Amino acid sequence: MEEDFETDLWICSECGKETDTIYTIAEWCDEKGIDDETKGYLYDLADKQNMCTDICEDCFDALFHAAGF
């Protein structure tokens, strides 16, 4: 049986979901065009919630919405 190394899936350390993309909060902000002030606020909120900072897009979106954006 051949292994397929083309489909690298990562496990989100926050939610445990398999995903093909794990970014830091800063990388997600850069990817989505979010300003530095909001980026800092999201890091502060993640810290208060003891949330991981290397997360999947679903966790980033949940954090972003929890921040009221």
PDB file of N, CA and C in Angstrom:
ATOM      1  N   MET A   1       0.849  -1.183   0.000  1.00  0.00           N
ATOM      2  CA  MET A   1       0.000   0.000   0.000  1.00  0.00           C
ATOM      3  C   MET A   1       0.890   1.241   0.000  1.00  0.00           C
ATOM      4  N   GLU A   2       0.659   2.118  -0.966  1.00  0.00           N
ATOM      5  CA  GLU A   2       1.438   3.341  -1.050  1.00  0.00           C
ATOM      6  C   GLU A   2       0.840   4.411  -0.150  1.00  0.00           C
ATOM      7  N   GLU A   3       1.728   5.189   0.473  1.00  0.00           N
ATOM      8  CA  GLU A   3       1.259   6.308   1.271  1.00  0.00           C
ATOM      9  C   GLU A   3       1.215   7.546   0.393  1.00  0.00           C
ATOM     10  N   ASP A   4       0.214   8.366   0.605  1.00  0.00           N
ATOM     11  CA  ASP A   4       0.066   9.600  -0.153  1.00  0.00           C
ATOM     12  C   ASP A   4       0.590  10.752   0.682  1.00  0.00           C
ATOM     13  N   PHE A   5       1.763  11.259   0.298  1.00  0.00           N
ATOM     14  CA  PHE A   5       2.375  12.344   1.044  1.00  0.00           C
ATOM     15  C   PHE A   5       1.942  13.714   0.513  1.00  0.00           C
ATOM     16  N   GLU A   6       1.093  13.730  -0.492  1.00  0.00           N
ATOM     17  CA  GLU A   6       0.644  14.987  -1.076  1.00  0.00           C
ATOM     18  C   GLU A   6      -0.419  15.676  -0.221  1.00  0.00           C
ATOM     19  N   THR A   7      -1.156  14.937   0.570  1.00  0.00           N
ATOM     20  CA  THR A   7      -2.248  15.520   1.350  1.00  0.00           C
ATOM     21  C   THR A   7      -1.858  15.568   2.823  1.00  0.00           C
ATOM     22  N   ASP A   8      -1.104  16.588   3.175  1.00  0.00           N
ATOM     23  CA  ASP A   8      -0.717  16.767   4.569  1.00  0.00           C
ATOM     24  C   ASP A   8      -1.862  17.402   5.333  1.00  0.00           C
ATOM     25  N   LEU A   9      -2.345  16.695   6.323  1.00  0.00           N
ATOM     26  CA  LEU A   9      -3.374  17.247   7.190  1.00  0.00           C
ATOM     27  C   LEU A   9      -2.759  17.505   8.552  1.00  0.00           C
ATOM     28  N   TRP A  10      -3.164  18.566   9.156  1.00  0.00           N
ATOM     29  CA  TRP A  10      -2.688  18.951  10.470  1.00  0.00           C
ATOM     30  C   TRP A  10      -3.847  18.828  11.449  1.00  0.00           C
ATOM     31  N   ILE A  11      -3.520  18.683  12.695  1.00  0.00           N
ATOM     32  CA  ILE A  11      -4.531  18.649  13.750  1.00  0.00           C
ATOM     33  C   ILE A  11      -4.487  19.993  14.465  1.00  0.00           C
ATOM     34  N   CYS A  12      -5.615  20.673  14.509  1.00  0.00           N
ATOM     35  CA  CYS A  12      -5.692  21.949  15.219  1.00  0.00           C
ATOM     36  C   CYS A  12      -5.523  21.680  16.706  1.00  0.00           C
ATOM     37  N   SER A  13      -4.569  22.349  17.316  1.00  0.00           N
ATOM     38  CA  SER A  13      -4.303  22.115  18.738  1.00  0.00           C
ATOM     39  C   SER A  13      -5.393  22.700  19.628  1.00  0.00           C
ATOM     40  N   GLU A  14      -6.257  23.524  19.076  1.00  0.00           N
ATOM     41  CA  GLU A  14      -7.349  24.111  19.858  1.00  0.00           C
ATOM     42  C   GLU A  14      -8.590  23.216  19.845  1.00  0.00           C
ATOM     43  N   CYS A  15      -9.024  22.783  18.647  1.00  0.00           N
ATOM     44  CA  CYS A  15     -10.281  22.036  18.551  1.00  0.00           C
ATOM     45  C   CYS A  15     -10.082  20.559  18.223  1.00  0.00           C
ATOM     46  N   GLY A  16      -8.883  20.185  17.761  1.00  0.00           N
ATOM     47  CA  GLY A  16      -8.602  18.792  17.443  1.00  0.00           C
ATOM     48  C   GLY A  16      -9.049  18.354  16.063  1.00  0.00           C
ATOM     49  N   LYS A  17      -9.557  19.292  15.261  1.00  0.00           N
ATOM     50  CA  LYS A  17     -10.035  18.980  13.922  1.00  0.00           C
ATOM     51  C   LYS A  17      -8.869  18.835  12.948  1.00  0.00           C
ATOM     52  N   GLU A  18      -8.990  17.894  12.012  1.00  0.00           N
ATOM     53  CA  GLU A  18      -8.001  17.761  10.936  1.00  0.00           C
ATOM     54  C   GLU A  18      -8.255  18.861   9.918  1.00  0.00           C
ATOM     55  N   THR A  19      -7.186  19.501   9.495  1.00  0.00           N
ATOM     56  CA  THR A  19      -7.296  20.579   8.525  1.00  0.00           C
ATOM     57  C   THR A  19      -6.022  20.642   7.693  1.00  0.00           C
ATOM     58  N   ASP A  20      -6.116  21.260   6.541  1.00  0.00           N
ATOM     59  CA  ASP A  20      -4.924  21.393   5.707  1.00  0.00           C
ATOM     60  C   ASP A  20      -4.168  22.691   5.981  1.00  0.00           C
ATOM     61  N   THR A  21      -4.749  23.570   6.824  1.00  0.00           N
ATOM     62  CA  THR A  21      -4.110  24.856   7.093  1.00  0.00           C
ATOM     63  C   THR A  21      -4.177  25.198   8.576  1.00  0.00           C
ATOM     64  N   ILE A  22      -3.017  25.351   9.172  1.00  0.00           N
ATOM     65  CA  ILE A  22      -2.887  25.847  10.543  1.00  0.00           C
ATOM     66  C   ILE A  22      -1.998  27.082  10.469  1.00  0.00           C
ATOM     67  N   TYR A  23      -2.519  28.207  10.929  1.00  0.00           N
ATOM     68  CA  TYR A  23      -1.751  29.446  10.963  1.00  0.00           C
ATOM     69  C   TYR A  23      -1.766  30.003  12.382  1.00  0.00           C
ATOM     70  N   THR A  24      -0.844  30.910  12.640  1.00  0.00           N
ATOM     71  CA  THR A  24      -0.914  31.673  13.888  1.00  0.00           C
ATOM     72  C   THR A  24      -2.020  32.709  13.725  1.00  0.00           C
ATOM     73  N   ILE A  25      -2.425  33.304  14.823  1.00  0.00           N
ATOM     74  CA  ILE A  25      -3.435  34.368  14.759  1.00  0.00           C
ATOM     75  C   ILE A  25      -2.942  35.492  13.851  1.00  0.00           C
ATOM     76  N   ALA A  26      -1.665  35.848  13.974  1.00  0.00           N
ATOM     77  CA  ALA A  26      -1.104  36.916  13.141  1.00  0.00           C
ATOM     78  C   ALA A  26      -1.167  36.550  11.658  1.00  0.00           C
ATOM     79  N   GLU A  27      -0.863  35.309  11.332  1.00  0.00           N
ATOM     80  CA  GLU A  27      -0.916  34.885   9.933  1.00  0.00           C
ATOM     81  C   GLU A  27      -2.341  34.913   9.389  1.00  0.00           C
ATOM     82  N   TRP A  28      -3.305  34.494  10.215  1.00  0.00           N
ATOM     83  CA  TRP A  28      -4.708  34.568   9.779  1.00  0.00           C
ATOM     84  C   TRP A  28      -5.105  36.021   9.551  1.00  0.00           C
ATOM     85  N   CYS A  29      -4.687  36.910  10.454  1.00  0.00           N
ATOM     86  CA  CYS A  29      -5.003  38.334  10.293  1.00  0.00           C
ATOM     87  C   CYS A  29      -4.409  38.871   8.998  1.00  0.00           C
ATOM     88  N   ASP A  30      -3.169  38.522   8.726  1.00  0.00           N
ATOM     89  CA  ASP A  30      -2.523  38.964   7.488  1.00  0.00           C
ATOM     90  C   ASP A  30      -3.262  38.406   6.271  1.00  0.00           C
ATOM     91  N   GLU A  31      -3.628  37.139   6.343  1.00  0.00           N
ATOM     92  CA  GLU A  31      -4.338  36.473   5.242  1.00  0.00           C
ATOM     93  C   GLU A  31      -5.684  37.147   4.961  1.00  0.00           C
ATOM     94  N   LYS A  32      -6.350  37.607   6.015  1.00  0.00           N
ATOM     95  CA  LYS A  32      -7.689  38.172   5.885  1.00  0.00           C
ATOM     96  C   LYS A  32      -7.697  39.700   5.849  1.00  0.00           C
ATOM     97  N   GLY A  33      -6.503  40.319   5.883  1.00  0.00           N
ATOM     98  CA  GLY A  33      -6.420  41.776   5.789  1.00  0.00           C
ATOM     99  C   GLY A  33      -6.868  42.512   7.041  1.00  0.00           C
ATOM    100  N   ILE A  34      -6.660  41.914   8.197  1.00  0.00           N
ATOM    101  CA  ILE A  34      -7.076  42.506   9.466  1.00  0.00           C
ATOM    102  C   ILE A  34      -5.932  43.360  10.014  1.00  0.00           C
ATOM    103  N   ASP A  35      -6.270  44.551  10.513  1.00  0.00           N
ATOM    104  CA  ASP A  35      -5.258  45.507  10.953  1.00  0.00           C
ATOM    105  C   ASP A  35      -4.536  45.073  12.235  1.00  0.00           C
ATOM    106  N   ASP A  36      -3.398  45.713  12.496  1.00  0.00           N
ATOM    107  CA  ASP A  36      -2.543  45.350  13.632  1.00  0.00           C
ATOM    108  C   ASP A  36      -3.215  45.573  14.983  1.00  0.00           C
ATOM    109  N   GLU A  37      -4.038  46.605  15.099  1.00  0.00           N
ATOM    110  CA  GLU A  37      -4.725  46.861  16.368  1.00  0.00           C
ATOM    111  C   GLU A  37      -5.671  45.715  16.708  1.00  0.00           C
ATOM    112  N   THR A  38      -6.429  45.272  15.731  1.00  0.00           N
ATOM    113  CA  THR A  38      -7.345  44.149  15.925  1.00  0.00           C
ATOM    114  C   THR A  38      -6.562  42.870  16.201  1.00  0.00           C
ATOM    115  N   LYS A  39      -5.440  42.699  15.513  1.00  0.00           N
ATOM    116  CA  LYS A  39      -4.580  41.538  15.714  1.00  0.00           C
ATOM    117  C   LYS A  39      -4.137  41.463  17.180  1.00  0.00           C
ATOM    118  N   GLY A  40      -3.696  42.588  17.730  1.00  0.00           N
ATOM    119  CA  GLY A  40      -3.286  42.627  19.135  1.00  0.00           C
ATOM    120  C   GLY A  40      -4.439  42.292  20.067  1.00  0.00           C
ATOM    121  N   TYR A  41      -5.628  42.815  19.758  1.00  0.00           N
ATOM    122  CA  TYR A  41      -6.806  42.529  20.570  1.00  0.00           C
ATOM    123  C   TYR A  41      -7.135  41.034  20.535  1.00  0.00           C
ATOM    124  N   LEU A  42      -7.027  40.423  19.365  1.00  0.00           N
ATOM    125  CA  LEU A  42      -7.318  38.990  19.246  1.00  0.00           C
ATOM    126  C   LEU A  42      -6.317  38.153  20.037  1.00  0.00           C
ATOM    127  N   TYR A  43      -5.040  38.549  20.028  1.00  0.00           N
ATOM    128  CA  TYR A  43      -4.045  37.836  20.832  1.00  0.00           C
ATOM    129  C   TYR A  43      -4.359  37.967  22.326  1.00  0.00           C
ATOM    130  N   ASP A  44      -4.763  39.164  22.755  1.00  0.00           N
ATOM    131  CA  ASP A  44      -5.123  39.368  24.160  1.00  0.00           C
ATOM    132  C   ASP A  44      -6.321  38.506  24.545  1.00  0.00           C
ATOM    133  N   LEU A  45      -7.322  38.469  23.685  1.00  0.00           N
ATOM    134  CA  LEU A  45      -8.513  37.662  23.951  1.00  0.00           C
ATOM    135  C   LEU A  45      -8.167  36.179  23.992  1.00  0.00           C
ATOM    136  N   ALA A  46      -7.348  35.722  23.063  1.00  0.00           N
ATOM    137  CA  ALA A  46      -6.933  34.315  23.048  1.00  0.00           C
ATOM    138  C   ALA A  46      -6.178  33.973  24.323  1.00  0.00           C
ATOM    139  N   ASP A  47      -5.336  34.893  24.786  1.00  0.00           N
ATOM    140  CA  ASP A  47      -4.587  34.678  26.019  1.00  0.00           C
ATOM    141  C   ASP A  47      -5.527  34.580  27.222  1.00  0.00           C
ATOM    142  N   LYS A  48      -6.514  35.452  27.288  1.00  0.00           N
ATOM    143  CA  LYS A  48      -7.484  35.426  28.387  1.00  0.00           C
ATOM    144  C   LYS A  48      -8.295  34.134  28.394  1.00  0.00           C
ATOM    145  N   GLN A  49      -8.519  33.564  27.216  1.00  0.00           N
ATOM    146  CA  GLN A  49      -9.302  32.329  27.100  1.00  0.00           C
ATOM    147  C   GLN A  49      -8.414  31.089  27.122  1.00  0.00           C
ATOM    148  N   ASN A  50      -7.115  31.274  27.386  1.00  0.00           N
ATOM    149  CA  ASN A  50      -6.148  30.167  27.359  1.00  0.00           C
ATOM    150  C   ASN A  50      -6.241  29.387  26.060  1.00  0.00           C
ATOM    151  N   MET A  51      -6.366  30.121  24.984  1.00  0.00           N
ATOM    152  CA  MET A  51      -6.525  29.528  23.660  1.00  0.00           C
ATOM    153  C   MET A  51      -5.161  29.387  22.993  1.00  0.00           C
ATOM    154  N   CYS A  52      -5.001  28.350  22.205  1.00  0.00           N
ATOM    155  CA  CYS A  52      -3.778  28.169  21.434  1.00  0.00           C
ATOM    156  C   CYS A  52      -3.680  29.291  20.400  1.00  0.00           C
ATOM    157  N   THR A  53      -2.474  29.589  19.957  1.00  0.00           N
ATOM    158  CA  THR A  53      -2.319  30.640  18.945  1.00  0.00           C
ATOM    159  C   THR A  53      -2.069  30.073  17.556  1.00  0.00           C
ATOM    160  N   ASP A  54      -1.773  28.789  17.443  1.00  0.00           N
ATOM    161  CA  ASP A  54      -1.661  28.113  16.147  1.00  0.00           C
ATOM    162  C   ASP A  54      -2.955  27.348  15.937  1.00  0.00           C
ATOM    163  N   ILE A  55      -3.841  27.904  15.089  1.00  0.00           N
ATOM    164  CA  ILE A  55      -5.207  27.401  15.016  1.00  0.00           C
ATOM    165  C   ILE A  55      -5.692  27.253  13.572  1.00  0.00           C
ATOM    166  N   CYS A  56      -6.790  26.515  13.431  1.00  0.00           N
ATOM    167  CA  CYS A  56      -7.428  26.355  12.126  1.00  0.00           C
ATOM    168  C   CYS A  56      -8.299  27.584  11.831  1.00  0.00           C
ATOM    169  N   GLU A  57      -8.775  27.660  10.618  1.00  0.00           N
ATOM    170  CA  GLU A  57      -9.594  28.812  10.228  1.00  0.00           C
ATOM    171  C   GLU A  57     -10.897  28.879  11.013  1.00  0.00           C
ATOM    172  N   ASP A  58     -11.510  27.736  11.308  1.00  0.00           N
ATOM    173  CA  ASP A  58     -12.757  27.738  12.081  1.00  0.00           C
ATOM    174  C   ASP A  58     -12.537  28.329  13.475  1.00  0.00           C
ATOM    175  N   CYS A  59     -11.434  27.962  14.120  1.00  0.00           N
ATOM    176  CA  CYS A  59     -11.139  28.505  15.450  1.00  0.00           C
ATOM    177  C   CYS A  59     -10.828  29.995  15.375  1.00  0.00           C
ATOM    178  N   PHE A  60     -10.116  30.407  14.312  1.00  0.00           N
ATOM    179  CA  PHE A  60      -9.847  31.834  14.141  1.00  0.00           C
ATOM    180  C   PHE A  60     -11.154  32.595  13.958  1.00  0.00           C
ATOM    181  N   ASP A  61     -12.034  32.074  13.115  1.00  0.00           N
ATOM    182  CA  ASP A  61     -13.318  32.745  12.880  1.00  0.00           C
ATOM    183  C   ASP A  61     -14.132  32.830  14.170  1.00  0.00           C
ATOM    184  N   ALA A  62     -14.104  31.784  14.974  1.00  0.00           N
ATOM    185  CA  ALA A  62     -14.824  31.791  16.247  1.00  0.00           C
ATOM    186  C   ALA A  62     -14.233  32.843  17.184  1.00  0.00           C
ATOM    187  N   LEU A  63     -12.907  32.940  17.231  1.00  0.00           N
ATOM    188  CA  LEU A  63     -12.237  33.955  18.053  1.00  0.00           C
ATOM    189  C   LEU A  63     -12.613  35.343  17.560  1.00  0.00           C
ATOM    190  N   PHE A  64     -12.572  35.547  16.254  1.00  0.00           N
ATOM    191  CA  PHE A  64     -12.889  36.842  15.653  1.00  0.00           C
ATOM    192  C   PHE A  64     -14.314  37.265  16.008  1.00  0.00           C
ATOM    193  N   HIS A  65     -15.258  36.327  15.936  1.00  0.00           N
ATOM    194  CA  HIS A  65     -16.652  36.632  16.259  1.00  0.00           C
ATOM    195  C   HIS A  65     -16.844  36.830  17.763  1.00  0.00           C
ATOM    196  N   ALA A  66     -16.103  36.074  18.581  1.00  0.00           N
ATOM    197  CA  ALA A  66     -16.181  36.249  20.035  1.00  0.00           C
ATOM    198  C   ALA A  66     -15.674  37.638  20.437  1.00  0.00           C
ATOM    199  N   ALA A  67     -14.779  38.179  19.636  1.00  0.00           N
ATOM    200  CA  ALA A  67     -14.241  39.516  19.898  1.00  0.00           C
ATOM    201  C   ALA A  67     -15.227  40.610  19.503  1.00  0.00           C
ATOM    202  N   GLY A  68     -16.310  40.227  18.860  1.00  0.00           N
ATOM    203  CA  GLY A  68     -17.343  41.178  18.498  1.00  0.00           C
ATOM    204  C   GLY A  68     -17.175  41.801  17.121  1.00  0.00           C
ATOM    205  N   PHE A  69     -16.372  41.182  16.300  1.00  0.00           N
ATOM    206  CA  PHE A  69     -16.158  41.707  14.941  1.00  0.00           C
ATOM    207  C   PHE A  69     -17.005  40.964  13.932  1.00  0.00           C
TER     208      PHE A  69
END
